Amino acid sequence: MRMDWKSVRVALVVVAVLGAGVAWRLYQQWRPMDYDRMVAAMSASRPTTGMERYLRHWALATKAHPEIRQWFDATPTMTQVERDQVSKQKTRDGMNRLSDKDLVDRMELLSQMVEKLGVKDCAAFGRGGINPEVLGRMFNLMDDASLQRFSGIVVNAMAADLRQSPPARKALQEDVEQAFMEMGTHLTQEDAQRMADNLQDMASLPDDEACWTARLLYREGSELKGRNRRNLALALING
């Protein structure tokens, strides 16, 4: 039987958008401070947890993007709650402006993370229900080079939205269908149908099934080639 990948809507492929503004979750620890003092405090720390290592890499990565400093300097009266909300939104919006390399790297890094997570956290990832505690456990599992790359991608997204360049992109339904068709050639018919069915309603799945689906999607997506790989990576950050 030939799989009908048209049943898998682009919006249902958006399993999780991670990292949006997470560096600002601990921003209140350094208030009141300007950009330079905040970055200095983050980068001079001796991190012991995955979240602390992420924050240090994030702070160092922002130095390459003057747009972030300019935004910080232009909003000196913004509260921690406001900055957290705005930065998360800007990072989410900027994901659509990332390069193909950043998008593919992000998909591969998340694939590595989700393979290491326990079933409950993996299922939360699959449903898009990531909270700071799950994020912290995910970051604890990442080696330093991977965490540095991941934080760099998050910073790139925020900076791209701040400067409104390059143009935002959106995954086309036919491109996603083509990527899933290639993915289906690497799966058994049973697994292909099971994943397609599960992606229709990840929220209602039991933990083990949601985790299985998330791991398979990211693992097989990272194995795709060329255009299909790039298109699925884009689909995983927009709807």
C-alpha atoms as a PDB file:
ATOM      1  CA  MET A   1       0.000   0.000   0.000  1.00  0.00           C
ATOM      2  CA  ARG A   2       1.315   3.457  -0.904  1.00  0.00           C
ATOM      3  CA  MET A   3       1.364   5.914   1.992  1.00  0.00           C
ATOM      4  CA  ASP A   4      -0.715   9.049   1.501  1.00  0.00           C
ATOM      5  CA  TRP A   5       1.547  11.689   3.046  1.00  0.00           C
ATOM      6  CA  LYS A   6      -0.932  14.401   2.068  1.00  0.00           C
ATOM      7  CA  SER A   7      -2.749  13.545   5.281  1.00  0.00           C
ATOM      8  CA  VAL A   8       0.166  14.948   7.271  1.00  0.00           C
ATOM      9  CA  ARG A   9      -0.446  18.686   7.461  1.00  0.00           C
ATOM     10  CA  VAL A  10       2.522  21.039   7.727  1.00  0.00           C
ATOM     11  CA  ALA A  11       1.137  22.477  10.951  1.00  0.00           C
ATOM     12  CA  LEU A  12       1.191  19.005  12.516  1.00  0.00           C
ATOM     13  CA  VAL A  13       4.865  18.579  11.683  1.00  0.00           C
ATOM     14  CA  VAL A  14       5.762  21.428  14.030  1.00  0.00           C
ATOM     15  CA  VAL A  15       6.691  19.209  16.954  1.00  0.00           C
ATOM     16  CA  ALA A  16       8.598  21.779  19.020  1.00  0.00           C
ATOM     17  CA  VAL A  17      10.198  25.205  18.852  1.00  0.00           C
ATOM     18  CA  LEU A  18      12.922  25.321  21.469  1.00  0.00           C
ATOM     19  CA  GLY A  19      15.247  27.963  22.774  1.00  0.00           C
ATOM     20  CA  ALA A  20      13.018  30.976  22.160  1.00  0.00           C
ATOM     21  CA  GLY A  21      14.193  33.544  24.643  1.00  0.00           C
ATOM     22  CA  VAL A  22      15.355  31.002  27.200  1.00  0.00           C
ATOM     23  CA  ALA A  23      18.385  33.130  28.120  1.00  0.00           C
ATOM     24  CA  TRP A  24      16.044  35.761  29.520  1.00  0.00           C
ATOM     25  CA  ARG A  25      14.493  33.319  31.981  1.00  0.00           C
ATOM     26  CA  LEU A  26      17.333  34.099  34.378  1.00  0.00           C
ATOM     27  CA  TYR A  27      17.667  37.742  33.353  1.00  0.00           C
ATOM     28  CA  GLN A  28      16.311  38.990  36.674  1.00  0.00           C
ATOM     29  CA  GLN A  29      19.426  37.677  38.413  1.00  0.00           C
ATOM     30  CA  TRP A  30      21.437  40.465  36.783  1.00  0.00           C
ATOM     31  CA  ARG A  31      18.952  43.357  36.993  1.00  0.00           C
ATOM     32  CA  PRO A  32      19.420  46.233  36.973  1.00  0.00           C
ATOM     33  CA  MET A  33      22.305  45.943  34.470  1.00  0.00           C
ATOM     34  CA  ASP A  34      23.097  47.127  30.997  1.00  0.00           C
ATOM     35  CA  TYR A  35      23.949  44.769  28.164  1.00  0.00           C
ATOM     36  CA  ASP A  36      27.710  44.750  28.806  1.00  0.00           C
ATOM     37  CA  ARG A  37      27.370  43.990  32.514  1.00  0.00           C
ATOM     38  CA  MET A  38      24.825  41.265  31.897  1.00  0.00           C
ATOM     39  CA  VAL A  39      26.939  39.536  29.230  1.00  0.00           C
ATOM     40  CA  ALA A  40      30.034  39.879  31.400  1.00  0.00           C
ATOM     41  CA  ALA A  41      28.234  38.275  34.329  1.00  0.00           C
ATOM     42  CA  MET A  42      26.976  35.377  32.204  1.00  0.00           C
ATOM     43  CA  SER A  43      30.219  34.724  30.352  1.00  0.00           C
ATOM     44  CA  ALA A  44      32.491  35.025  33.397  1.00  0.00           C
ATOM     45  CA  SER A  45      30.566  32.411  35.377  1.00  0.00           C
ATOM     46  CA  ARG A  46      31.787  28.874  35.970  1.00  0.00           C
ATOM     47  CA  PRO A  47      28.759  26.873  34.867  1.00  0.00           C
ATOM     48  CA  THR A  48      27.934  23.592  36.550  1.00  0.00           C
ATOM     49  CA  THR A  49      24.578  22.786  34.935  1.00  0.00           C
ATOM     50  CA  GLY A  50      23.461  22.468  31.324  1.00  0.00           C
ATOM     51  CA  MET A  51      21.317  25.597  31.620  1.00  0.00           C
ATOM     52  CA  GLU A  52      24.225  27.622  32.986  1.00  0.00           C
ATOM     53  CA  ARG A  53      26.462  26.385  30.162  1.00  0.00           C
ATOM     54  CA  TYR A  54      23.753  27.341  27.663  1.00  0.00           C
ATOM     55  CA  LEU A  55      23.430  30.837  29.134  1.00  0.00           C
ATOM     56  CA  ARG A  56      27.172  31.367  28.946  1.00  0.00           C
ATOM     57  CA  HIS A  57      27.317  30.295  25.289  1.00  0.00           C
ATOM     58  CA  TRP A  58      24.243  32.402  24.511  1.00  0.00           C
ATOM     59  CA  ALA A  59      25.800  35.504  26.063  1.00  0.00           C
ATOM     60  CA  LEU A  60      29.048  35.047  24.153  1.00  0.00           C
ATOM     61  CA  ALA A  61      27.187  34.460  20.885  1.00  0.00           C
ATOM     62  CA  THR A  62      25.253  37.718  21.196  1.00  0.00           C
ATOM     63  CA  LYS A  63      28.510  39.673  20.919  1.00  0.00           C
ATOM     64  CA  ALA A  64      28.608  38.918  17.188  1.00  0.00           C
ATOM     65  CA  HIS A  65      25.213  40.601  16.671  1.00  0.00           C
ATOM     66  CA  PRO A  66      25.082  44.364  17.283  1.00  0.00           C
ATOM     67  CA  GLU A  67      21.309  44.248  16.727  1.00  0.00           C
ATOM     68  CA  ILE A  68      20.859  42.596  20.118  1.00  0.00           C
ATOM     69  CA  ARG A  69      22.894  45.212  21.946  1.00  0.00           C
ATOM     70  CA  GLN A  70      21.009  47.972  20.125  1.00  0.00           C
ATOM     71  CA  TRP A  71      17.660  46.464  21.098  1.00  0.00           C
ATOM     72  CA  PHE A  72      18.785  46.111  24.693  1.00  0.00           C
ATOM     73  CA  ASP A  73      20.031  49.702  24.824  1.00  0.00           C
ATOM     74  CA  ALA A  74      16.841  51.006  23.187  1.00  0.00           C
ATOM     75  CA  THR A  75      14.597  49.360  25.813  1.00  0.00           C
ATOM     76  CA  PRO A  76      16.174  50.251  29.190  1.00  0.00           C
ATOM     77  CA  THR A  77      12.848  50.419  31.029  1.00  0.00           C
ATOM     78  CA  MET A  78      11.544  47.056  29.815  1.00  0.00           C
ATOM     79  CA  THR A  79      10.658  44.752  32.691  1.00  0.00           C
ATOM     80  CA  GLN A  80      11.976  41.210  32.948  1.00  0.00           C
ATOM     81  CA  VAL A  81       8.561  39.803  32.053  1.00  0.00           C
ATOM     82  CA  GLU A  82       8.236  42.073  29.030  1.00  0.00           C
ATOM     83  CA  ARG A  83      11.780  41.326  27.838  1.00  0.00           C
ATOM     84  CA  ASP A  84      11.222  37.603  28.235  1.00  0.00           C
ATOM     85  CA  GLN A  85       7.994  37.731  26.210  1.00  0.00           C
ATOM     86  CA  VAL A  86       9.378  39.961  23.460  1.00  0.00           C
ATOM     87  CA  SER A  87      12.635  38.059  23.108  1.00  0.00           C
ATOM     88  CA  LYS A  88      10.813  34.728  22.871  1.00  0.00           C
ATOM     89  CA  GLN A  89       8.520  36.077  20.184  1.00  0.00           C
ATOM     90  CA  LYS A  90      11.398  37.580  18.229  1.00  0.00           C
ATOM     91  CA  THR A  91      13.325  34.330  18.392  1.00  0.00           C
ATOM     92  CA  ARG A  92      10.307  32.313  17.231  1.00  0.00           C
ATOM     93  CA  ASP A  93       9.704  34.741  14.378  1.00  0.00           C
ATOM     94  CA  GLY A  94      13.379  34.714  13.447  1.00  0.00           C
ATOM     95  CA  MET A  95      13.462  30.934  13.072  1.00  0.00           C
ATOM     96  CA  ASN A  96      11.823  31.393   9.659  1.00  0.00           C
ATOM     97  CA  ARG A  97      14.787  33.536   8.629  1.00  0.00           C
ATOM     98  CA  LEU A  98      17.531  31.051   9.522  1.00  0.00           C
ATOM     99  CA  SER A  99      19.879  29.651   6.886  1.00  0.00           C
ATOM    100  CA  ASP A 100      19.460  26.105   5.602  1.00  0.00           C
ATOM    101  CA  LYS A 101      22.588  25.114   7.538  1.00  0.00           C
ATOM    102  CA  ASP A 102      21.220  26.463  10.820  1.00  0.00           C
ATOM    103  CA  LEU A 103      17.883  24.726  10.270  1.00  0.00           C
ATOM    104  CA  VAL A 104      19.476  21.371   9.443  1.00  0.00           C
ATOM    105  CA  ASP A 105      21.929  21.677  12.352  1.00  0.00           C
ATOM    106  CA  ARG A 106      19.017  22.432  14.660  1.00  0.00           C
ATOM    107  CA  MET A 107      17.119  19.356  13.491  1.00  0.00           C
ATOM    108  CA  GLU A 108      20.190  17.157  13.991  1.00  0.00           C
ATOM    109  CA  LEU A 109      20.932  18.574  17.450  1.00  0.00           C
ATOM    110  CA  LEU A 110      17.335  18.044  18.566  1.00  0.00           C
ATOM    111  CA  SER A 111      17.467  14.502  17.204  1.00  0.00           C
ATOM    112  CA  GLN A 112      20.498  13.803  19.377  1.00  0.00           C
ATOM    113  CA  MET A 113      18.797  15.334  22.419  1.00  0.00           C
ATOM    114  CA  VAL A 114      15.503  13.520  22.057  1.00  0.00           C
ATOM    115  CA  GLU A 115      17.288  10.154  21.762  1.00  0.00           C
ATOM    116  CA  LYS A 116      18.891  10.710  25.172  1.00  0.00           C
ATOM    117  CA  LEU A 117      15.828  11.962  27.019  1.00  0.00           C
ATOM    118  CA  GLY A 118      13.738   9.753  29.248  1.00  0.00           C
ATOM    119  CA  VAL A 119      10.351   8.746  27.878  1.00  0.00           C
ATOM    120  CA  LYS A 120       8.338  11.314  29.845  1.00  0.00           C
ATOM    121  CA  ASP A 121      10.555  14.248  28.833  1.00  0.00           C
ATOM    122  CA  CYS A 122      10.798  12.916  25.301  1.00  0.00           C
ATOM    123  CA  ALA A 123       6.997  12.824  25.094  1.00  0.00           C
ATOM    124  CA  ALA A 124       6.797  16.417  26.372  1.00  0.00           C
ATOM    125  CA  PHE A 125       9.227  17.409  23.621  1.00  0.00           C
ATOM    126  CA  GLY A 126       7.097  15.611  21.054  1.00  0.00           C
ATOM    127  CA  ARG A 127       3.975  17.440  22.171  1.00  0.00           C
ATOM    128  CA  GLY A 128       5.740  20.815  22.273  1.00  0.00           C
ATOM    129  CA  GLY A 129       5.133  21.099  26.016  1.00  0.00           C
ATOM    130  CA  ILE A 130       8.664  22.038  27.055  1.00  0.00           C
ATOM    131  CA  ASN A 131       9.074  23.794  30.404  1.00  0.00           C
ATOM    132  CA  PRO A 132      12.287  25.139  32.005  1.00  0.00           C
ATOM    133  CA  GLU A 133      12.818  21.924  33.968  1.00  0.00           C
ATOM    134  CA  VAL A 134      12.699  19.746  30.840  1.00  0.00           C
ATOM    135  CA  LEU A 135      14.910  22.229  28.996  1.00  0.00           C
ATOM    136  CA  GLY A 136      17.431  22.023  31.807  1.00  0.00           C
ATOM    137  CA  ARG A 137      17.521  18.240  31.641  1.00  0.00           C
ATOM    138  CA  MET A 138      17.902  18.391  27.862  1.00  0.00           C
ATOM    139  CA  PHE A 139      20.815  20.809  28.147  1.00  0.00           C
ATOM    140  CA  ASN A 140      22.454  18.617  30.814  1.00  0.00           C
ATOM    141  CA  LEU A 141      22.628  15.829  28.223  1.00  0.00           C
ATOM    142  CA  MET A 142      24.381  17.942  25.591  1.00  0.00           C
ATOM    143  CA  ASP A 143      28.146  18.100  25.195  1.00  0.00           C
ATOM    144  CA  ASP A 144      29.648  21.564  25.232  1.00  0.00           C
ATOM    145  CA  ALA A 145      30.254  21.804  21.483  1.00  0.00           C
ATOM    146  CA  SER A 146      26.638  20.874  20.716  1.00  0.00           C
ATOM    147  CA  LEU A 147      25.286  23.275  23.316  1.00  0.00           C
ATOM    148  CA  GLN A 148      27.419  26.068  21.888  1.00  0.00           C
ATOM    149  CA  ARG A 149      26.069  25.381  18.399  1.00  0.00           C
ATOM    150  CA  PHE A 150      22.476  25.236  19.632  1.00  0.00           C
ATOM    151  CA  SER A 151      22.736  28.517  21.523  1.00  0.00           C
ATOM    152  CA  GLY A 152      24.311  30.106  18.455  1.00  0.00           C
ATOM    153  CA  ILE A 153      21.327  29.111  16.333  1.00  0.00           C
ATOM    154  CA  VAL A 154      18.940  30.648  18.878  1.00  0.00           C
ATOM    155  CA  VAL A 155      20.914  33.898  18.839  1.00  0.00           C
ATOM    156  CA  ASN A 156      20.998  33.892  15.031  1.00  0.00           C
ATOM    157  CA  ALA A 157      17.204  33.657  14.965  1.00  0.00           C
ATOM    158  CA  MET A 158      16.682  36.540  17.353  1.00  0.00           C
ATOM    159  CA  ALA A 159      19.200  38.730  15.505  1.00  0.00           C
ATOM    160  CA  ALA A 160      17.600  37.922  12.127  1.00  0.00           C
ATOM    161  CA  ASP A 161      14.215  39.063  13.376  1.00  0.00           C
ATOM    162  CA  LEU A 162      15.616  42.243  14.897  1.00  0.00           C
ATOM    163  CA  ARG A 163      17.177  43.277  11.582  1.00  0.00           C
ATOM    164  CA  GLN A 164      14.295  41.782   9.533  1.00  0.00           C
ATOM    165  CA  SER A 165      16.765  40.018   7.250  1.00  0.00           C
ATOM    166  CA  PRO A 166      17.051  37.651   5.434  1.00  0.00           C
ATOM    167  CA  PRO A 167      13.430  37.266   4.249  1.00  0.00           C
ATOM    168  CA  ALA A 168      11.212  34.902   6.199  1.00  0.00           C
ATOM    169  CA  ARG A 169      10.395  31.566   4.607  1.00  0.00           C
ATOM    170  CA  LYS A 170       7.541  29.100   4.928  1.00  0.00           C
ATOM    171  CA  ALA A 171       7.497  25.385   4.172  1.00  0.00           C
ATOM    172  CA  LEU A 172       5.224  24.442   1.295  1.00  0.00           C
ATOM    173  CA  GLN A 173       2.835  21.548   1.738  1.00  0.00           C
ATOM    174  CA  GLU A 174       4.039  19.802  -1.417  1.00  0.00           C
ATOM    175  CA  ASP A 175       7.672  20.060  -0.264  1.00  0.00           C
ATOM    176  CA  VAL A 176       6.838  18.494   3.087  1.00  0.00           C
ATOM    177  CA  GLU A 177       4.898  15.706   1.360  1.00  0.00           C
ATOM    178  CA  GLN A 178       7.929  14.971  -0.815  1.00  0.00           C
ATOM    179  CA  ALA A 179      10.184  14.800   2.238  1.00  0.00           C
ATOM    180  CA  PHE A 180       7.810  12.380   3.936  1.00  0.00           C
ATOM    181  CA  MET A 181       7.629  10.261   0.815  1.00  0.00           C
ATOM    182  CA  GLU A 182      11.406   9.836   0.885  1.00  0.00           C
ATOM    183  CA  MET A 183      11.270   9.134   4.613  1.00  0.00           C
ATOM    184  CA  GLY A 184       8.648   6.470   3.960  1.00  0.00           C
ATOM    185  CA  THR A 185      11.026   4.551   1.695  1.00  0.00           C
ATOM    186  CA  HIS A 186      13.312   3.995   4.693  1.00  0.00           C
ATOM    187  CA  LEU A 187      10.551   2.735   6.991  1.00  0.00           C
ATOM    188  CA  THR A 188       8.420  -0.350   7.129  1.00  0.00           C
ATOM    189  CA  GLN A 189       4.861   0.195   5.930  1.00  0.00           C
ATOM    190  CA  GLU A 190       3.648  -0.346   9.491  1.00  0.00           C
ATOM    191  CA  ASP A 191       5.986   2.268  10.989  1.00  0.00           C
ATOM    192  CA  ALA A 192       5.262   4.772   8.222  1.00  0.00           C
ATOM    193  CA  GLN A 193       1.518   4.517   8.795  1.00  0.00           C
ATOM    194  CA  ARG A 194       1.942   4.606  12.563  1.00  0.00           C
ATOM    195  CA  MET A 195       3.975   7.825  12.420  1.00  0.00           C
ATOM    196  CA  ALA A 196       1.556   9.464   9.975  1.00  0.00           C
ATOM    197  CA  ASP A 197      -1.391   8.589  12.217  1.00  0.00           C
ATOM    198  CA  ASN A 198       0.363   9.746  15.392  1.00  0.00           C
ATOM    199  CA  LEU A 199       1.332  13.118  13.943  1.00  0.00           C
ATOM    200  CA  GLN A 200      -2.346  13.926  13.504  1.00  0.00           C
ATOM    201  CA  ASP A 201      -2.827  14.271  17.272  1.00  0.00           C
ATOM    202  CA  MET A 202       0.354  14.096  19.332  1.00  0.00           C
ATOM    203  CA  ALA A 203      -1.387  15.618  22.358  1.00  0.00           C
ATOM    204  CA  SER A 204      -3.645  12.596  22.870  1.00  0.00           C
ATOM    205  CA  LEU A 205      -0.928   9.941  22.640  1.00  0.00           C
ATOM    206  CA  PRO A 206       0.448   8.094  25.674  1.00  0.00           C
ATOM    207  CA  ASP A 207       4.009   9.014  26.609  1.00  0.00           C
ATOM    208  CA  ASP A 208       5.701   6.025  25.020  1.00  0.00           C
ATOM    209  CA  GLU A 209       3.928   6.530  21.694  1.00  0.00           C
ATOM    210  CA  ALA A 210       4.542  10.292  21.594  1.00  0.00           C
ATOM    211  CA  CYS A 211       8.220   9.702  22.358  1.00  0.00           C
ATOM    212  CA  TRP A 212       8.526   6.990  19.698  1.00  0.00           C
ATOM    213  CA  THR A 213       7.033   9.346  17.119  1.00  0.00           C
ATOM    214  CA  ALA A 214       9.266  12.302  18.030  1.00  0.00           C
ATOM    215  CA  ARG A 215      12.416  10.190  17.981  1.00  0.00           C
ATOM    216  CA  LEU A 216      11.542   8.603  14.664  1.00  0.00           C
ATOM    217  CA  LEU A 217      10.615  11.894  13.021  1.00  0.00           C
ATOM    218  CA  TYR A 218      13.825  13.663  13.990  1.00  0.00           C
ATOM    219  CA  ARG A 219      16.051  10.622  13.432  1.00  0.00           C
ATOM    220  CA  GLU A 220      14.713   9.880   9.975  1.00  0.00           C
ATOM    221  CA  GLY A 221      14.482  13.578   9.112  1.00  0.00           C
ATOM    222  CA  SER A 222      18.176  13.965   9.855  1.00  0.00           C
ATOM    223  CA  GLU A 223      18.916  11.111   7.462  1.00  0.00           C
ATOM    224  CA  LEU A 224      17.147  12.703   4.496  1.00  0.00           C
ATOM    225  CA  LYS A 225      19.211  14.040   1.621  1.00  0.00           C
ATOM    226  CA  GLY A 226      19.488  17.398  -0.105  1.00  0.00           C
ATOM    227  CA  ARG A 227      16.323  19.369  -0.740  1.00  0.00           C
ATOM    228  CA  ASN A 228      14.044  17.073   1.248  1.00  0.00           C
ATOM    229  CA  ARG A 229      16.261  17.400   4.306  1.00  0.00           C
ATOM    230  CA  ARG A 230      16.258  21.186   4.087  1.00  0.00           C
ATOM    231  CA  ASN A 231      12.516  21.373   3.528  1.00  0.00           C
ATOM    232  CA  LEU A 232      11.688  19.169   6.510  1.00  0.00           C
ATOM    233  CA  ALA A 233      14.053  21.182   8.725  1.00  0.00           C
ATOM    234  CA  LEU A 234      12.136  24.310   7.693  1.00  0.00           C
ATOM    235  CA  ALA A 235       8.777  22.623   8.298  1.00  0.00           C
ATOM    236  CA  LEU A 236       9.839  21.734  11.837  1.00  0.00           C
ATOM    237  CA  ILE A 237       9.984  25.413  12.787  1.00  0.00           C
ATOM    238  CA  ASN A 238       6.896  26.797  11.048  1.00  0.00           C
ATOM    239  CA  GLY A 239       3.404  25.801  10.195  1.00  0.00           C
END
